[in-house]
Amino acid sequence: MQALSQSAKKLRDAYPYSNGQSFTQNTPSLLSGFAFGQSFNSRPGSLGPFPNIHRSAAASSGFVPPSNSESSTHSIMREEYIVSRLRPHIHEYVSACISYLPYFSCVPTPTISNAHPSHPSLPQLLSKDKPHLTETFMFLSLLTTEFLSLPPLTQSSLIPLLLPRVLDEWKAWVDRIDETVNKHGGMFGEETALGWKRALDEFAEAKGHGLEALRHVRDQWVTRVGWLVGRIVQPMMEV
C-alpha cells in the first residue's frame, strides 16, 4: 500500500503545475501575460483588450492576441505537452499497479498447458493460496482511490492502460464475496461490510472516461450481498 501511494504521488508531482489542473483553467496564456502569471488586462498601462488603435502596433511587434480558434489550438498543444511530460511517469505507475495485482487477484487463473512444471508463473503459484478477501478489498480500494484523485487529463491517459484490469479485479472480488457468503455460508463482520458499502458508494459517483462502470460494481455487490448490511434490492413489481 505504501509503494502504491508513493507511485501515485510521483505521478501527481510530475504534472507540470502543482495544482494538477489543466493549463487552460488556472494558468495564464503565454501570449496574454508573457508567462509572468499576470495578464495584460490587469497591469497598469497595458494595452488592455487591445483596442483597434493599438492593434497595428501590437501586430508590428509580433504580438497579436489569439482568436478563439487559435486559443483552441493552443489549448490542444498544451494538453499534448502535458501528456508528453506525464507519459513515462504514467507507464511507471501502471507497471507498479500491475506488478502488485497478482498478489491480491481474485480473477480465476487459466491453466497453461505448455508451461514448464519446474518454472510455474507467478499467477499459477498464487492460485494455490488465494488472497484474503479483506486484503484484496484494501488493495483495490486504495488503487481506485489513488486513481480517482489524479487530474482528469492524467486519468484519461491512464484509463486504456489500467481501468479494464481494475474493473475485472473488482468484478472477480464481488464474485468471490457472493460465493463465500451465499454458497459456502461464510460471514463477515458488520463493520467490515459497512466499510465496503461506504467505499463502493463513493466509487459509484465517479463519472467520465468510462468510470461509470464502477457504479455497476457497486450495484452488483448490493444485489448479491447487500443483505449483509440490510441493503436489499427491491424486486420490480409487475404491471
Protein backbone atom coordinates (compact mmCIF):
# COMPACT_ATOMS: atom_id res chain seq x y z
CA MET A 1 0.00 0.00 0.00
CA GLN A 2 2.89 2.33 0.78
CA ALA A 3 4.55 1.57 -2.56
CA LEU A 4 1.26 2.22 -4.36
CA SER A 5 0.77 5.57 -2.63
CA GLN A 6 4.34 6.63 -3.38
CA SER A 7 3.92 5.74 -7.04
CA ALA A 8 0.68 7.77 -7.27
CA LYS A 9 2.38 10.73 -5.55
CA LYS A 10 5.22 10.67 -8.08
CA LEU A 11 2.66 10.76 -10.89
CA ARG A 12 0.81 13.70 -9.32
CA ASP A 13 4.08 15.55 -8.74
CA ALA A 14 5.04 15.01 -12.38
CA TYR A 15 2.14 17.20 -13.51
CA PRO A 16 3.65 20.44 -14.91
CA TYR A 17 1.71 22.55 -12.42
CA SER A 18 1.48 21.58 -8.76
CA ASN A 19 -2.27 22.19 -8.56
CA GLY A 20 -2.77 19.38 -11.07
CA GLN A 21 -5.13 21.40 -13.26
CA SER A 22 -5.09 21.96 -16.98
CA PHE A 23 -3.08 24.91 -18.27
CA THR A 24 -6.25 26.36 -19.76
CA GLN A 25 -8.01 26.58 -16.39
CA ASN A 26 -5.57 28.08 -13.93
CA THR A 27 -2.54 29.35 -15.77
CA PRO A 28 -2.26 32.44 -17.99
CA SER A 29 -1.71 32.15 -21.69
CA LEU A 30 1.87 32.76 -22.75
CA LEU A 31 0.52 35.21 -25.30
CA SER A 32 -1.58 37.25 -22.89
CA GLY A 33 0.81 37.56 -19.95
CA PHE A 34 4.30 36.65 -21.15
CA ALA A 35 4.17 33.73 -18.67
CA PHE A 36 4.62 36.11 -15.72
CA GLY A 37 1.47 34.79 -14.08
CA GLN A 38 -0.41 38.04 -14.76
CA SER A 39 -2.46 39.01 -17.76
CA PHE A 40 -2.06 42.30 -19.58
CA ASN A 41 -5.61 43.26 -18.74
CA SER A 42 -4.70 43.57 -15.05
CA ARG A 43 -1.48 45.56 -15.47
CA PRO A 44 -1.42 49.38 -15.32
CA GLY A 45 -0.55 51.00 -18.61
CA SER A 46 -1.05 47.83 -20.60
CA LEU A 47 -2.77 47.60 -23.94
CA GLY A 48 -5.74 46.07 -22.12
CA PRO A 49 -8.08 44.29 -24.52
CA PHE A 50 -6.05 45.67 -27.46
CA PRO A 51 -8.38 48.33 -28.89
CA ASN A 52 -8.15 48.91 -32.63
CA ILE A 53 -5.95 51.98 -32.18
CA HIS A 54 -3.17 49.82 -30.73
CA ARG A 55 -3.71 46.70 -32.83
CA SER A 56 -1.36 47.71 -35.66
CA ALA A 57 1.43 48.45 -33.21
CA ALA A 58 0.89 45.12 -31.50
CA ALA A 59 0.96 43.33 -34.84
CA SER A 60 4.15 45.03 -35.92
CA SER A 61 5.83 43.87 -32.74
CA GLY A 62 4.85 40.28 -33.47
CA PHE A 63 2.41 40.18 -30.53
CA VAL A 64 -1.18 39.58 -31.62
CA PRO A 65 -3.93 38.38 -29.25
CA PRO A 66 -5.18 34.92 -30.21
CA SER A 67 -8.57 34.39 -31.82
CA ASN A 68 -10.98 31.77 -30.48
CA SER A 69 -9.72 29.19 -32.97
CA GLU A 70 -6.11 29.99 -32.07
CA SER A 71 -6.91 29.65 -28.36
CA SER A 72 -8.43 26.23 -29.03
CA THR A 73 -5.30 25.18 -30.93
CA HIS A 74 -3.04 26.39 -28.12
CA SER A 75 -5.19 24.50 -25.60
CA ILE A 76 -4.73 21.26 -27.56
CA MET A 77 -1.00 21.89 -27.83
CA ARG A 78 -0.73 22.48 -24.09
CA GLU A 79 -2.58 19.24 -23.34
CA GLU A 80 -0.29 17.33 -25.71
CA TYR A 81 2.69 18.85 -23.94
CA ILE A 82 1.37 17.79 -20.54
CA VAL A 83 0.71 14.24 -21.73
CA SER A 84 4.20 14.02 -23.20
CA ARG A 85 5.63 15.08 -19.85
CA LEU A 86 3.49 12.57 -17.99
CA ARG A 87 3.91 9.58 -20.31
CA PRO A 88 6.98 7.96 -18.67
CA HIS A 89 5.51 8.50 -15.20
CA ILE A 90 2.17 7.04 -16.32
CA HIS A 91 3.86 3.85 -17.53
CA GLU A 92 5.83 3.64 -14.29
CA TYR A 93 2.62 3.96 -12.26
CA VAL A 94 0.79 1.34 -14.35
CA SER A 95 3.76 -1.01 -14.01
CA ALA A 96 3.71 -0.64 -10.23
CA CYS A 97 -0.03 -1.35 -10.05
CA ILE A 98 0.11 -4.36 -12.37
CA SER A 99 3.13 -5.83 -10.59
CA TYR A 100 1.25 -5.99 -7.27
CA LEU A 101 -2.16 -7.04 -8.60
CA PRO A 102 -1.40 -10.79 -8.88
CA TYR A 103 -0.80 -10.97 -5.12
CA PHE A 104 -4.35 -9.77 -4.45
CA SER A 105 -6.18 -11.03 -7.52
CA CYS A 106 -9.45 -12.95 -7.34
CA VAL A 107 -9.57 -13.46 -11.11
CA PRO A 108 -9.54 -17.22 -11.89
CA THR A 109 -6.19 -18.24 -13.35
CA PRO A 110 -6.49 -20.32 -16.55
CA THR A 111 -4.43 -23.47 -16.77
CA ILE A 112 -1.47 -23.02 -19.10
CA SER A 113 -0.85 -26.43 -20.72
CA ASN A 114 2.51 -25.59 -22.21
CA ALA A 115 4.03 -24.09 -19.06
CA HIS A 116 7.11 -25.80 -17.70
CA PRO A 117 6.30 -27.56 -14.39
CA SER A 118 9.66 -26.55 -12.95
CA HIS A 119 9.05 -22.87 -13.76
CA PRO A 120 5.45 -22.01 -12.88
CA SER A 121 4.30 -18.46 -13.44
CA LEU A 122 3.55 -16.12 -10.54
CA PRO A 123 -0.26 -16.28 -11.04
CA GLN A 124 -0.05 -20.09 -11.02
CA LEU A 125 1.85 -20.04 -7.75
CA LEU A 126 -0.59 -17.59 -6.19
CA SER A 127 -3.65 -19.55 -7.31
CA LYS A 128 -2.75 -22.22 -4.75
CA ASP A 129 -3.08 -19.70 -1.93
CA LYS A 130 -5.92 -17.29 -2.65
CA PRO A 131 -5.65 -13.86 -1.02
CA HIS A 132 -7.96 -12.96 1.84
CA LEU A 133 -10.96 -11.01 0.60
CA THR A 134 -10.47 -8.16 3.08
CA GLU A 135 -6.87 -7.73 1.91
CA THR A 136 -7.97 -7.74 -1.72
CA PHE A 137 -10.54 -5.07 -0.94
CA MET A 138 -7.94 -2.90 0.83
CA PHE A 139 -5.62 -3.09 -2.17
CA LEU A 140 -8.32 -2.44 -4.80
CA SER A 141 -9.84 0.34 -2.70
CA LEU A 142 -6.52 2.15 -2.35
CA LEU A 143 -5.70 1.71 -6.03
CA THR A 144 -9.10 3.09 -7.04
CA THR A 145 -8.92 5.98 -4.58
CA GLU A 146 -5.47 6.99 -5.84
CA PHE A 147 -6.63 6.66 -9.44
CA LEU A 148 -9.67 8.90 -8.87
CA SER A 149 -7.54 11.53 -7.11
CA LEU A 150 -5.42 12.13 -10.22
CA PRO A 151 -6.08 15.11 -12.53
CA PRO A 152 -8.62 14.44 -15.31
CA LEU A 153 -6.02 14.63 -18.07
CA THR A 154 -3.89 12.05 -16.26
CA GLN A 155 -6.93 9.83 -15.74
CA SER A 156 -7.85 9.92 -19.44
CA SER A 157 -4.32 8.79 -20.32
CA LEU A 158 -4.35 6.03 -17.72
CA ILE A 159 -7.79 4.57 -18.42
CA PRO A 160 -6.95 2.46 -21.50
CA LEU A 161 -3.92 1.04 -19.69
CA LEU A 162 -5.37 0.32 -16.27
CA LEU A 163 -9.14 0.63 -15.89
CA PRO A 164 -10.17 -2.61 -17.73
CA ARG A 165 -7.88 -4.67 -15.48
CA VAL A 166 -9.08 -2.92 -12.33
CA LEU A 167 -12.73 -3.49 -13.27
CA ASP A 168 -12.03 -7.19 -13.88
CA GLU A 169 -10.48 -7.42 -10.41
CA TRP A 170 -13.44 -5.67 -8.76
CA LYS A 171 -15.94 -7.95 -10.52
CA ALA A 172 -13.96 -11.04 -9.52
CA TRP A 173 -13.88 -9.79 -5.91
CA VAL A 174 -17.68 -9.41 -5.91
CA ASP A 175 -17.98 -12.93 -7.34
CA ARG A 176 -15.80 -14.32 -4.55
CA ILE A 177 -17.79 -12.48 -1.86
CA ASP A 178 -21.00 -13.85 -3.35
CA GLU A 179 -19.61 -17.38 -3.45
CA THR A 180 -18.20 -17.23 0.07
CA VAL A 181 -21.35 -15.84 1.68
CA ASN A 182 -24.22 -17.25 -0.34
CA LYS A 183 -22.82 -20.64 -1.34
CA HIS A 184 -20.47 -21.61 1.47
CA GLY A 185 -22.11 -19.92 4.45
CA GLY A 186 -19.19 -17.61 5.16
CA MET A 187 -19.74 -14.37 7.07
CA PHE A 188 -18.01 -11.03 7.56
CA GLY A 189 -18.27 -8.59 10.44
CA GLU A 190 -20.82 -5.80 10.20
CA GLU A 191 -18.18 -3.06 10.38
CA THR A 192 -16.20 -4.72 7.59
CA ALA A 193 -19.24 -4.97 5.35
CA LEU A 194 -20.28 -1.38 6.13
CA GLY A 195 -16.80 -0.19 5.19
CA TRP A 196 -17.11 -1.97 1.86
CA LYS A 197 -20.51 -0.39 1.26
CA ARG A 198 -19.30 3.14 2.02
CA ALA A 199 -16.27 2.83 -0.27
CA LEU A 200 -18.27 1.30 -3.13
CA ASP A 201 -20.90 4.03 -2.82
CA GLU A 202 -18.18 6.67 -3.18
CA PHE A 203 -16.61 4.96 -6.19
CA ALA A 204 -20.06 4.71 -7.80
CA GLU A 205 -20.19 8.52 -8.02
CA ALA A 206 -17.22 8.66 -10.42
CA LYS A 207 -18.03 9.99 -13.88
CA GLY A 208 -16.28 10.41 -17.20
CA HIS A 209 -13.81 8.36 -19.22
CA GLY A 210 -15.79 5.15 -18.56
CA LEU A 211 -15.54 5.41 -14.78
CA GLU A 212 -19.32 4.98 -14.60
CA ALA A 213 -18.59 1.24 -14.74
CA LEU A 214 -17.72 1.45 -11.04
CA ARG A 215 -21.41 2.02 -10.35
CA HIS A 216 -22.16 -1.37 -11.88
CA VAL A 217 -19.64 -2.95 -9.47
CA ARG A 218 -21.44 -1.33 -6.52
CA ASP A 219 -24.86 -2.39 -7.84
CA GLN A 220 -23.71 -5.99 -8.24
CA TRP A 221 -22.39 -6.03 -4.67
CA VAL A 222 -25.69 -4.69 -3.37
CA THR A 223 -27.71 -7.17 -5.42
CA ARG A 224 -25.73 -10.18 -4.25
CA VAL A 225 -24.60 -9.48 -0.70
CA GLY A 226 -26.19 -6.16 0.26
CA TRP A 227 -28.24 -8.05 2.84
CA LEU A 228 -25.09 -8.16 5.00
CA VAL A 229 -25.74 -4.51 5.82
CA GLY A 230 -29.52 -4.59 5.46
CA ARG A 231 -29.41 -3.25 1.94
CA ILE A 232 -31.76 -5.31 -0.22
CA VAL A 233 -32.71 -4.58 -3.80
CA GLN A 234 -36.48 -4.46 -4.07
CA PRO A 235 -37.81 -6.58 -6.98
CA MET A 236 -39.67 -4.64 -9.66
CA MET A 237 -43.44 -5.06 -9.46
CA GLU A 238 -45.18 -6.45 -12.47
CA VAL A 239 -47.57 -4.06 -14.15
